[in-house]
């Protein structure tokens, strides 16, 4: 909910096995942090 409109502004949440609903989140999602794994293991 705080990212610019140009950036990805939604976090996907599963409401059913085959249906995905996108909504703006007010929290940092676990998947956002997990996506940093590769970045954090690299050197500058």
ModelCIF file with pLDDT and N, C-alpha, C, O atoms, coordinates in Angstrom:
data_MODEL
#
_entry.id   MODEL 
#
_entity.id                         1 
_entity.type                       polymer 
_entity.pdbx_number_of_molecules   1 
#
_entity_poly.entity_id                      1 
_entity_poly.type                           'polypeptide(L)' 
_entity_poly.nstd_linkage                   no 
_entity_poly.nstd_monomer                   no 
_entity_poly.pdbx_seq_one_letter_code       
;(UNK)(UNK)(UNK)(UNK)(UNK)(UNK)(UNK)(UNK)(UNK)(UNK)(UNK)(UNK)(UNK)(UNK)(UNK)(UNK)
(UNK)(UNK)(UNK)(UNK)(UNK)(UNK)(UNK)(UNK)(UNK)(UNK)(UNK)(UNK)(UNK)(UNK)(UNK)(UNK)
(UNK)(UNK)(UNK)(UNK)(UNK)(UNK)(UNK)(UNK)(UNK)(UNK)(UNK)(UNK)
;
_entity_poly.pdbx_seq_one_letter_code_can   XXXXXXXXXXXXXXXXXXXXXXXXXXXXXXXXXXXXXXXXXXXX 
_entity_poly.pdbx_strand_id                 A 
#
loop_
_entity_poly_seq.entity_id 
_entity_poly_seq.num 
_entity_poly_seq.mon_id 
_entity_poly_seq.hetero 
1 1  UNK n 
1 2  UNK n 
1 3  UNK n 
1 4  UNK n 
1 5  UNK n 
1 6  UNK n 
1 7  UNK n 
1 8  UNK n 
1 9  UNK n 
1 10 UNK n 
1 11 UNK n 
1 12 UNK n 
1 13 UNK n 
1 14 UNK n 
1 15 UNK n 
1 16 UNK n 
1 17 UNK n 
1 18 UNK n 
1 19 UNK n 
1 20 UNK n 
1 21 UNK n 
1 22 UNK n 
1 23 UNK n 
1 24 UNK n 
1 25 UNK n 
1 26 UNK n 
1 27 UNK n 
1 28 UNK n 
1 29 UNK n 
1 30 UNK n 
1 31 UNK n 
1 32 UNK n 
1 33 UNK n 
1 34 UNK n 
1 35 UNK n 
1 36 UNK n 
1 37 UNK n 
1 38 UNK n 
1 39 UNK n 
1 40 UNK n 
1 41 UNK n 
1 42 UNK n 
1 43 UNK n 
1 44 UNK n 
#
_struct_asym.id          A 
_struct_asym.entity_id   1 
#
loop_
_ma_qa_metric.id 
_ma_qa_metric.mode 
_ma_qa_metric.name 
_ma_qa_metric.software_group_id 
_ma_qa_metric.type 
1 global pLDDT . pLDDT 
2 local  pLDDT . pLDDT 
#
_ma_qa_metric_global.metric_id      1 
_ma_qa_metric_global.metric_value   61.25 
_ma_qa_metric_global.model_id       1 
_ma_qa_metric_global.ordinal_id     1 
#
loop_
_ma_qa_metric_local.label_asym_id 
_ma_qa_metric_local.label_comp_id 
_ma_qa_metric_local.label_seq_id 
_ma_qa_metric_local.metric_id 
_ma_qa_metric_local.metric_value 
_ma_qa_metric_local.model_id 
_ma_qa_metric_local.ordinal_id 
A UNK 1  2 71.00 1 1  
A UNK 2  2 65.00 1 2  
A UNK 3  2 57.00 1 3  
A UNK 4  2 47.00 1 4  
A UNK 5  2 40.00 1 5  
A UNK 6  2 37.00 1 6  
A UNK 7  2 40.00 1 7  
A UNK 8  2 38.00 1 8  
A UNK 9  2 34.00 1 9  
A UNK 10 2 36.00 1 10 
A UNK 11 2 38.00 1 11 
A UNK 12 2 40.00 1 12 
A UNK 13 2 39.00 1 13 
A UNK 14 2 42.00 1 14 
A UNK 15 2 41.00 1 15 
A UNK 16 2 40.00 1 16 
A UNK 17 2 37.00 1 17 
A UNK 18 2 35.00 1 18 
A UNK 19 2 39.00 1 19 
A UNK 20 2 40.00 1 20 
A UNK 21 2 40.00 1 21 
A UNK 22 2 53.00 1 22 
A UNK 23 2 61.00 1 23 
A UNK 24 2 68.00 1 24 
A UNK 25 2 73.00 1 25 
A UNK 26 2 80.00 1 26 
A UNK 27 2 86.00 1 27 
A UNK 28 2 85.00 1 28 
A UNK 29 2 87.00 1 29 
A UNK 30 2 89.00 1 30 
A UNK 31 2 88.00 1 31 
A UNK 32 2 87.00 1 32 
A UNK 33 2 87.00 1 33 
A UNK 34 2 88.00 1 34 
A UNK 35 2 84.00 1 35 
A UNK 36 2 85.00 1 36 
A UNK 37 2 83.00 1 37 
A UNK 38 2 78.00 1 38 
A UNK 39 2 78.00 1 39 
A UNK 40 2 78.00 1 40 
A UNK 41 2 76.00 1 41 
A UNK 42 2 71.00 1 42 
A UNK 43 2 65.00 1 43 
A UNK 44 2 69.00 1 44 
#
loop_
_atom_site.group_PDB 
_atom_site.id 
_atom_site.type_symbol 
_atom_site.label_atom_id 
_atom_site.label_alt_id 
_atom_site.label_comp_id 
_atom_site.label_asym_id 
_atom_site.label_entity_id 
_atom_site.label_seq_id 
_atom_site.pdbx_PDB_ins_code 
_atom_site.Cartn_x 
_atom_site.Cartn_y 
_atom_site.Cartn_z 
_atom_site.occupancy 
_atom_site.B_iso_or_equiv 
_atom_site.pdbx_formal_charge 
_atom_site.auth_seq_id 
_atom_site.auth_comp_id 
_atom_site.auth_asym_id 
_atom_site.auth_atom_id 
_atom_site.pdbx_PDB_model_num 
ATOM 1   N N  . UNK A 1 1  ? 0.812   -1.211  0.000   1.00 71.00 ? 1  UNK A N  1 
ATOM 2   C CA . UNK A 1 1  ? 0.000   0.000   0.000   1.00 71.00 ? 1  UNK A CA 1 
ATOM 3   C C  . UNK A 1 1  ? 0.852   1.269   0.000   1.00 71.00 ? 1  UNK A C  1 
ATOM 4   O O  . UNK A 1 1  ? 0.332   2.351   -0.274  1.00 71.00 ? 1  UNK A O  1 
ATOM 5   N N  . UNK A 1 2  ? 2.150   1.162   0.301   1.00 65.00 ? 2  UNK A N  1 
ATOM 6   C CA . UNK A 1 2  ? 3.008   2.337   0.357   1.00 65.00 ? 2  UNK A CA 1 
ATOM 7   C C  . UNK A 1 2  ? 3.931   2.464   -0.846  1.00 65.00 ? 2  UNK A C  1 
ATOM 8   O O  . UNK A 1 2  ? 4.631   3.467   -0.979  1.00 65.00 ? 2  UNK A O  1 
ATOM 9   N N  . UNK A 1 3  ? 3.944   1.467   -1.722  1.00 57.00 ? 3  UNK A N  1 
ATOM 10  C CA . UNK A 1 3  ? 4.799   1.530   -2.895  1.00 57.00 ? 3  UNK A CA 1 
ATOM 11  C C  . UNK A 1 3  ? 4.218   2.476   -3.928  1.00 57.00 ? 3  UNK A C  1 
ATOM 12  O O  . UNK A 1 3  ? 3.012   2.719   -3.948  1.00 57.00 ? 3  UNK A O  1 
ATOM 13  N N  . UNK A 1 4  ? 5.075   3.009   -4.787  1.00 47.00 ? 4  UNK A N  1 
ATOM 14  C CA . UNK A 1 4  ? 4.618   3.886   -5.870  1.00 47.00 ? 4  UNK A CA 1 
ATOM 15  C C  . UNK A 1 4  ? 3.700   3.118   -6.805  1.00 47.00 ? 4  UNK A C  1 
ATOM 16  O O  . UNK A 1 4  ? 3.751   1.890   -6.865  1.00 47.00 ? 4  UNK A O  1 
ATOM 17  N N  . UNK A 1 5  ? 2.862   3.842   -7.534  1.00 40.00 ? 5  UNK A N  1 
ATOM 18  C CA . UNK A 1 5  ? 1.963   3.212   -8.490  1.00 40.00 ? 5  UNK A CA 1 
ATOM 19  C C  . UNK A 1 5  ? 2.722   2.515   -9.611  1.00 40.00 ? 5  UNK A C  1 
ATOM 20  O O  . UNK A 1 5  ? 2.197   1.589   -10.228 1.00 40.00 ? 5  UNK A O  1 
ATOM 21  N N  . UNK A 1 6  ? 3.959   2.951   -9.884  1.00 37.00 ? 6  UNK A N  1 
ATOM 22  C CA . UNK A 1 6  ? 4.760   2.336   -10.941 1.00 37.00 ? 6  UNK A CA 1 
ATOM 23  C C  . UNK A 1 6  ? 5.287   0.971   -10.534 1.00 37.00 ? 6  UNK A C  1 
ATOM 24  O O  . UNK A 1 6  ? 5.582   0.135   -11.387 1.00 37.00 ? 6  UNK A O  1 
ATOM 25  N N  . UNK A 1 7  ? 5.405   0.746   -9.238  1.00 40.00 ? 7  UNK A N  1 
ATOM 26  C CA . UNK A 1 7  ? 5.944   -0.518  -8.746  1.00 40.00 ? 7  UNK A CA 1 
ATOM 27  C C  . UNK A 1 7  ? 4.795   -1.505  -8.564  1.00 40.00 ? 7  UNK A C  1 
ATOM 28  O O  . UNK A 1 7  ? 3.627   -1.166  -8.748  1.00 40.00 ? 7  UNK A O  1 
ATOM 29  N N  . UNK A 1 8  ? 5.152   -2.716  -8.203  1.00 38.00 ? 8  UNK A N  1 
ATOM 30  C CA . UNK A 1 8  ? 4.114   -3.706  -7.932  1.00 38.00 ? 8  UNK A CA 1 
ATOM 31  C C  . UNK A 1 8  ? 3.387   -3.253  -6.671  1.00 38.00 ? 8  UNK A C  1 
ATOM 32  O O  . UNK A 1 8  ? 4.012   -3.039  -5.633  1.00 38.00 ? 8  UNK A O  1 
ATOM 33  N N  . UNK A 1 9  ? 2.078   -3.107  -6.761  1.00 34.00 ? 9  UNK A N  1 
ATOM 34  C CA . UNK A 1 9  ? 1.337   -2.565  -5.628  1.00 34.00 ? 9  UNK A CA 1 
ATOM 35  C C  . UNK A 1 9  ? 0.360   -3.545  -5.010  1.00 34.00 ? 9  UNK A C  1 
ATOM 36  O O  . UNK A 1 9  ? -0.495  -3.151  -4.216  1.00 34.00 ? 9  UNK A O  1 
ATOM 37  N N  . UNK A 1 10 ? 0.474   -4.785  -5.354  1.00 36.00 ? 10 UNK A N  1 
ATOM 38  C CA . UNK A 1 10 ? -0.457  -5.724  -4.742  1.00 36.00 ? 10 UNK A CA 1 
ATOM 39  C C  . UNK A 1 10 ? 0.263   -6.989  -4.321  1.00 36.00 ? 10 UNK A C  1 
ATOM 40  O O  . UNK A 1 10 ? 1.288   -7.368  -4.888  1.00 36.00 ? 10 UNK A O  1 
ATOM 41  N N  . UNK A 1 11 ? -0.286  -7.614  -3.337  1.00 38.00 ? 11 UNK A N  1 
ATOM 42  C CA . UNK A 1 11 ? 0.214   -8.893  -2.862  1.00 38.00 ? 11 UNK A CA 1 
ATOM 43  C C  . UNK A 1 11 ? -0.894  -9.897  -3.111  1.00 38.00 ? 11 UNK A C  1 
ATOM 44  O O  . UNK A 1 11 ? -2.046  -9.666  -2.741  1.00 38.00 ? 11 UNK A O  1 
ATOM 45  N N  . UNK A 1 12 ? -0.550  -10.999 -3.730  1.00 40.00 ? 12 UNK A N  1 
ATOM 46  C CA . UNK A 1 12 ? -1.566  -11.998 -4.029  1.00 40.00 ? 12 UNK A CA 1 
ATOM 47  C C  . UNK A 1 12 ? -1.878  -12.810 -2.783  1.00 40.00 ? 12 UNK A C  1 
ATOM 48  O O  . UNK A 1 12 ? -0.972  -13.220 -2.057  1.00 40.00 ? 12 UNK A O  1 
ATOM 49  N N  . UNK A 1 13 ? -3.142  -13.037 -2.541  1.00 39.00 ? 13 UNK A N  1 
ATOM 50  C CA . UNK A 1 13 ? -3.573  -13.898 -1.449  1.00 39.00 ? 13 UNK A CA 1 
ATOM 51  C C  . UNK A 1 13 ? -4.515  -14.944 -2.017  1.00 39.00 ? 13 UNK A C  1 
ATOM 52  O O  . UNK A 1 13 ? -5.392  -14.630 -2.821  1.00 39.00 ? 13 UNK A O  1 
ATOM 53  N N  . UNK A 1 14 ? -4.329  -16.195 -1.593  1.00 42.00 ? 14 UNK A N  1 
ATOM 54  C CA . UNK A 1 14 ? -5.191  -17.274 -2.082  1.00 42.00 ? 14 UNK A CA 1 
ATOM 55  C C  . UNK A 1 14 ? -6.502  -17.272 -1.306  1.00 42.00 ? 14 UNK A C  1 
ATOM 56  O O  . UNK A 1 14 ? -6.505  -17.343 -0.077  1.00 42.00 ? 14 UNK A O  1 
ATOM 57  N N  . UNK A 1 15 ? -7.605  -17.191 -2.025  1.00 41.00 ? 15 UNK A N  1 
ATOM 58  C CA . UNK A 1 15 ? -8.915  -17.311 -1.383  1.00 41.00 ? 15 UNK A CA 1 
ATOM 59  C C  . UNK A 1 15 ? -9.518  -18.667 -1.677  1.00 41.00 ? 15 UNK A C  1 
ATOM 60  O O  . UNK A 1 15 ? -10.434 -19.106 -0.982  1.00 41.00 ? 15 UNK A O  1 
ATOM 61  N N  . UNK A 1 16 ? -9.014  -19.328 -2.693  1.00 40.00 ? 16 UNK A N  1 
ATOM 62  C CA . UNK A 1 16 ? -9.431  -20.690 -3.030  1.00 40.00 ? 16 UNK A CA 1 
ATOM 63  C C  . UNK A 1 16 ? -8.260  -21.303 -3.777  1.00 40.00 ? 16 UNK A C  1 
ATOM 64  O O  . UNK A 1 16 ? -7.332  -20.597 -4.170  1.00 40.00 ? 16 UNK A O  1 
ATOM 65  N N  . UNK A 1 17 ? -8.301  -22.600 -3.972  1.00 37.00 ? 17 UNK A N  1 
ATOM 66  C CA . UNK A 1 17 ? -7.188  -23.281 -4.621  1.00 37.00 ? 17 UNK A CA 1 
ATOM 67  C C  . UNK A 1 17 ? -6.947  -22.762 -6.033  1.00 37.00 ? 17 UNK A C  1 
ATOM 68  O O  . UNK A 1 17 ? -5.798  -22.704 -6.472  1.00 37.00 ? 17 UNK A O  1 
ATOM 69  N N  . UNK A 1 18 ? -7.980  -22.389 -6.743  1.00 35.00 ? 18 UNK A N  1 
ATOM 70  C CA . UNK A 1 18 ? -7.816  -21.959 -8.125  1.00 35.00 ? 18 UNK A CA 1 
ATOM 71  C C  . UNK A 1 18 ? -8.056  -20.470 -8.328  1.00 35.00 ? 18 UNK A C  1 
ATOM 72  O O  . UNK A 1 18 ? -7.837  -19.958 -9.426  1.00 35.00 ? 18 UNK A O  1 
ATOM 73  N N  . UNK A 1 19 ? -8.501  -19.767 -7.296  1.00 39.00 ? 19 UNK A N  1 
ATOM 74  C CA . UNK A 1 19 ? -8.830  -18.359 -7.454  1.00 39.00 ? 19 UNK A CA 1 
ATOM 75  C C  . UNK A 1 19 ? -7.860  -17.502 -6.661  1.00 39.00 ? 19 UNK A C  1 
ATOM 76  O O  . UNK A 1 19 ? -7.601  -17.769 -5.487  1.00 39.00 ? 19 UNK A O  1 
ATOM 77  N N  . UNK A 1 20 ? -7.322  -16.470 -7.302  1.00 40.00 ? 20 UNK A N  1 
ATOM 78  C CA . UNK A 1 20 ? -6.429  -15.554 -6.627  1.00 40.00 ? 20 UNK A CA 1 
ATOM 79  C C  . UNK A 1 20 ? -7.036  -14.166 -6.664  1.00 40.00 ? 20 UNK A C  1 
ATOM 80  O O  . UNK A 1 20 ? -7.540  -13.718 -7.694  1.00 40.00 ? 20 UNK A O  1 
ATOM 81  N N  . UNK A 1 21 ? -6.981  -13.510 -5.554  1.00 40.00 ? 21 UNK A N  1 
ATOM 82  C CA . UNK A 1 21 ? -7.507  -12.159 -5.454  1.00 40.00 ? 21 UNK A CA 1 
ATOM 83  C C  . UNK A 1 21 ? -6.352  -11.254 -5.071  1.00 40.00 ? 21 UNK A C  1 
ATOM 84  O O  . UNK A 1 21 ? -5.577  -11.576 -4.170  1.00 40.00 ? 21 UNK A O  1 
ATOM 85  N N  . UNK A 1 22 ? -6.235  -10.126 -5.749  1.00 53.00 ? 22 UNK A N  1 
ATOM 86  C CA . UNK A 1 22 ? -5.181  -9.180  -5.426  1.00 53.00 ? 22 UNK A CA 1 
ATOM 87  C C  . UNK A 1 22 ? -5.754  -8.075  -4.554  1.00 53.00 ? 22 UNK A C  1 
ATOM 88  O O  . UNK A 1 22 ? -6.833  -7.548  -4.823  1.00 53.00 ? 22 UNK A O  1 
ATOM 89  N N  . UNK A 1 23 ? -5.009  -7.730  -3.499  1.00 61.00 ? 23 UNK A N  1 
ATOM 90  C CA . UNK A 1 23 ? -5.429  -6.616  -2.661  1.00 61.00 ? 23 UNK A CA 1 
ATOM 91  C C  . UNK A 1 23 ? -4.193  -5.915  -2.128  1.00 61.00 ? 23 UNK A C  1 
ATOM 92  O O  . UNK A 1 23 ? -3.126  -6.513  -1.989  1.00 61.00 ? 23 UNK A O  1 
ATOM 93  N N  . UNK A 1 24 ? -4.361  -4.638  -1.834  1.00 68.00 ? 24 UNK A N  1 
ATOM 94  C CA . UNK A 1 24 ? -3.251  -3.885  -1.274  1.00 68.00 ? 24 UNK A CA 1 
ATOM 95  C C  . UNK A 1 24 ? -3.081  -4.279  0.182   1.00 68.00 ? 24 UNK A C  1 
ATOM 96  O O  . UNK A 1 24 ? -4.056  -4.388  0.926   1.00 68.00 ? 24 UNK A O  1 
ATOM 97  N N  . UNK A 1 25 ? -1.848  -4.488  0.577   1.00 73.00 ? 25 UNK A N  1 
ATOM 98  C CA . UNK A 1 25 ? -1.550  -4.890  1.935   1.00 73.00 ? 25 UNK A CA 1 
ATOM 99  C C  . UNK A 1 25 ? -0.906  -3.736  2.691   1.00 73.00 ? 25 UNK A C  1 
ATOM 100 O O  . UNK A 1 25 ? -0.199  -2.914  2.106   1.00 73.00 ? 25 UNK A O  1 
ATOM 101 N N  . UNK A 1 26 ? -1.152  -3.684  3.970   1.00 80.00 ? 26 UNK A N  1 
ATOM 102 C CA . UNK A 1 26 ? -0.509  -2.677  4.813   1.00 80.00 ? 26 UNK A CA 1 
ATOM 103 C C  . UNK A 1 26 ? 0.671   -3.270  5.568   1.00 80.00 ? 26 UNK A C  1 
ATOM 104 O O  . UNK A 1 26 ? 1.259   -2.606  6.422   1.00 80.00 ? 26 UNK A O  1 
ATOM 105 N N  . UNK A 1 27 ? 1.018   -4.507  5.262   1.00 86.00 ? 27 UNK A N  1 
ATOM 106 C CA . UNK A 1 27 ? 2.129   -5.174  5.923   1.00 86.00 ? 27 UNK A CA 1 
ATOM 107 C C  . UNK A 1 27 ? 3.139   -5.651  4.887   1.00 86.00 ? 27 UNK A C  1 
ATOM 108 O O  . UNK A 1 27 ? 2.807   -5.880  3.724   1.00 86.00 ? 27 UNK A O  1 
ATOM 109 N N  . UNK A 1 28 ? 4.375   -5.792  5.340   1.00 85.00 ? 28 UNK A N  1 
ATOM 110 C CA . UNK A 1 28 ? 5.407   -6.379  4.491   1.00 85.00 ? 28 UNK A CA 1 
ATOM 111 C C  . UNK A 1 28 ? 5.159   -7.879  4.480   1.00 85.00 ? 28 UNK A C  1 
ATOM 112 O O  . UNK A 1 28 ? 5.093   -8.512  5.533   1.00 85.00 ? 28 UNK A O  1 
ATOM 113 N N  . UNK A 1 29 ? 5.024   -8.439  3.296   1.00 87.00 ? 29 UNK A N  1 
ATOM 114 C CA . UNK A 1 29 ? 4.696   -9.862  3.167   1.00 87.00 ? 29 UNK A CA 1 
ATOM 115 C C  . UNK A 1 29 ? 5.943   -10.730 3.336   1.00 87.00 ? 29 UNK A C  1 
ATOM 116 O O  . UNK A 1 29 ? 7.053   -10.303 3.020   1.00 87.00 ? 29 UNK A O  1 
ATOM 117 N N  . UNK A 1 30 ? 5.754   -11.923 3.827   1.00 89.00 ? 30 UNK A N  1 
ATOM 118 C CA . UNK A 1 30 ? 6.841   -12.872 4.010   1.00 89.00 ? 30 UNK A CA 1 
ATOM 119 C C  . UNK A 1 30 ? 7.520   -13.142 2.672   1.00 89.00 ? 30 UNK A C  1 
ATOM 120 O O  . UNK A 1 30 ? 8.744   -13.254 2.610   1.00 89.00 ? 30 UNK A O  1 
ATOM 121 N N  . UNK A 1 31 ? 6.737   -13.247 1.605   1.00 88.00 ? 31 UNK A N  1 
ATOM 122 C CA . UNK A 1 31 ? 7.308   -13.503 0.282   1.00 88.00 ? 31 UNK A CA 1 
ATOM 123 C C  . UNK A 1 31 ? 8.226   -12.368 -0.176  1.00 88.00 ? 31 UNK A C  1 
ATOM 124 O O  . UNK A 1 31 ? 9.186   -12.609 -0.907  1.00 88.00 ? 31 UNK A O  1 
ATOM 125 N N  . UNK A 1 32 ? 7.940   -11.139 0.244   1.00 87.00 ? 32 UNK A N  1 
ATOM 126 C CA . UNK A 1 32 ? 8.824   -10.021 -0.097  1.00 87.00 ? 32 UNK A CA 1 
ATOM 127 C C  . UNK A 1 32 ? 10.203  -10.226 0.538   1.00 87.00 ? 32 UNK A C  1 
ATOM 128 O O  . UNK A 1 32 ? 11.227  -9.943  -0.085  1.00 87.00 ? 32 UNK A O  1 
ATOM 129 N N  . UNK A 1 33 ? 10.222  -10.707 1.749   1.00 87.00 ? 33 UNK A N  1 
ATOM 130 C CA . UNK A 1 33 ? 11.490  -10.939 2.449   1.00 87.00 ? 33 UNK A CA 1 
ATOM 131 C C  . UNK A 1 33 ? 12.189  -12.163 1.871   1.00 87.00 ? 33 UNK A C  1 
ATOM 132 O O  . UNK A 1 33 ? 13.407  -12.153 1.696   1.00 87.00 ? 33 UNK A O  1 
ATOM 133 N N  . UNK A 1 34 ? 11.447  -13.196 1.579   1.00 88.00 ? 34 UNK A N  1 
ATOM 134 C CA . UNK A 1 34 ? 12.046  -14.398 0.978   1.00 88.00 ? 34 UNK A CA 1 
ATOM 135 C C  . UNK A 1 34 ? 12.682  -14.085 -0.365  1.00 88.00 ? 34 UNK A C  1 
ATOM 136 O O  . UNK A 1 34 ? 13.692  -14.687 -0.730  1.00 88.00 ? 34 UNK A O  1 
ATOM 137 N N  . UNK A 1 35 ? 12.101  -13.148 -1.103  1.00 84.00 ? 35 UNK A N  1 
ATOM 138 C CA . UNK A 1 35 ? 12.645  -12.772 -2.410  1.00 84.00 ? 35 UNK A CA 1 
ATOM 139 C C  . UNK A 1 35 ? 14.016  -12.112 -2.282  1.00 84.00 ? 35 UNK A C  1 
ATOM 140 O O  . UNK A 1 35 ? 14.740  -11.998 -3.271  1.00 84.00 ? 35 UNK A O  1 
ATOM 141 N N  . UNK A 1 36 ? 14.372  -11.685 -1.099  1.00 85.00 ? 36 UNK A N  1 
ATOM 142 C CA . UNK A 1 36 ? 15.683  -11.056 -0.876  1.00 85.00 ? 36 UNK A CA 1 
ATOM 143 C C  . UNK A 1 36 ? 16.802  -12.067 -0.655  1.00 85.00 ? 36 UNK A C  1 
ATOM 144 O O  . UNK A 1 36 ? 17.973  -11.689 -0.638  1.00 85.00 ? 36 UNK A O  1 
ATOM 145 N N  . UNK A 1 37 ? 16.467  -13.343 -0.486  1.00 83.00 ? 37 UNK A N  1 
ATOM 146 C CA . UNK A 1 37 ? 17.481  -14.357 -0.194  1.00 83.00 ? 37 UNK A CA 1 
ATOM 147 C C  . UNK A 1 37 ? 18.657  -14.321 -1.157  1.00 83.00 ? 37 UNK A C  1 
ATOM 148 O O  . UNK A 1 37 ? 19.806  -14.235 -0.724  1.00 83.00 ? 37 UNK A O  1 
ATOM 149 N N  . UNK A 1 38 ? 18.390  -14.383 -2.441  1.00 78.00 ? 38 UNK A N  1 
ATOM 150 C CA . UNK A 1 38 ? 19.475  -14.373 -3.425  1.00 78.00 ? 38 UNK A CA 1 
ATOM 151 C C  . UNK A 1 38 ? 20.260  -13.074 -3.361  1.00 78.00 ? 38 UNK A C  1 
ATOM 152 O O  . UNK A 1 38 ? 21.488  -13.082 -3.443  1.00 78.00 ? 38 UNK A O  1 
ATOM 153 N N  . UNK A 1 39 ? 19.565  -11.970 -3.217  1.00 78.00 ? 39 UNK A N  1 
ATOM 154 C CA . UNK A 1 39 ? 20.220  -10.667 -3.147  1.00 78.00 ? 39 UNK A CA 1 
ATOM 155 C C  . UNK A 1 39 ? 21.162  -10.577 -1.945  1.00 78.00 ? 39 UNK A C  1 
ATOM 156 O O  . UNK A 1 39 ? 22.272  -10.057 -2.060  1.00 78.00 ? 39 UNK A O  1 
ATOM 157 N N  . UNK A 1 40 ? 20.724  -11.078 -0.810  1.00 78.00 ? 40 UNK A N  1 
ATOM 158 C CA . UNK A 1 40 ? 21.516  -10.968 0.419   1.00 78.00 ? 40 UNK A CA 1 
ATOM 159 C C  . UNK A 1 40 ? 22.755  -11.866 0.417   1.00 78.00 ? 40 UNK A C  1 
ATOM 160 O O  . UNK A 1 40 ? 23.689  -11.610 1.177   1.00 78.00 ? 40 UNK A O  1 
ATOM 161 N N  . UNK A 1 41 ? 22.786  -12.900 -0.406  1.00 76.00 ? 41 UNK A N  1 
ATOM 162 C CA . UNK A 1 41 ? 23.949  -13.780 -0.436  1.00 76.00 ? 41 UNK A CA 1 
ATOM 163 C C  . UNK A 1 41 ? 25.018  -13.304 -1.415  1.00 76.00 ? 41 UNK A C  1 
ATOM 164 O O  . UNK A 1 41 ? 26.107  -13.874 -1.477  1.00 76.00 ? 41 UNK A O  1 
ATOM 165 N N  . UNK A 1 42 ? 24.710  -12.271 -2.171  1.00 71.00 ? 42 UNK A N  1 
ATOM 166 C CA . UNK A 1 42 ? 25.684  -11.727 -3.104  1.00 71.00 ? 42 UNK A CA 1 
ATOM 167 C C  . UNK A 1 42 ? 26.571  -10.686 -2.435  1.00 71.00 ? 42 UNK A C  1 
ATOM 168 O O  . UNK A 1 42 ? 26.175  -10.060 -1.451  1.00 71.00 ? 42 UNK A O  1 
ATOM 169 N N  . UNK A 1 43 ? 27.771  -10.508 -2.974  1.00 65.00 ? 43 UNK A N  1 
ATOM 170 C CA . UNK A 1 43 ? 28.620  -9.415  -2.498  1.00 65.00 ? 43 UNK A CA 1 
ATOM 171 C C  . UNK A 1 43 ? 28.216  -8.140  -3.254  1.00 65.00 ? 43 UNK A C  1 
ATOM 172 O O  . UNK A 1 43 ? 27.481  -8.188  -4.240  1.00 65.00 ? 43 UNK A O  1 
ATOM 173 N N  . UNK A 1 44 ? 28.704  -7.039  -2.777  1.00 69.00 ? 44 UNK A N  1 
ATOM 174 C CA . UNK A 1 44 ? 28.383  -5.751  -3.399  1.00 69.00 ? 44 UNK A CA 1 
ATOM 175 C C  . UNK A 1 44 ? 28.876  -5.727  -4.843  1.00 69.00 ? 44 UNK A C  1 
ATOM 176 O O  . UNK A 1 44 ? 28.701  -4.727  -5.538  1.00 69.00 ? 44 UNK A O  1 
#
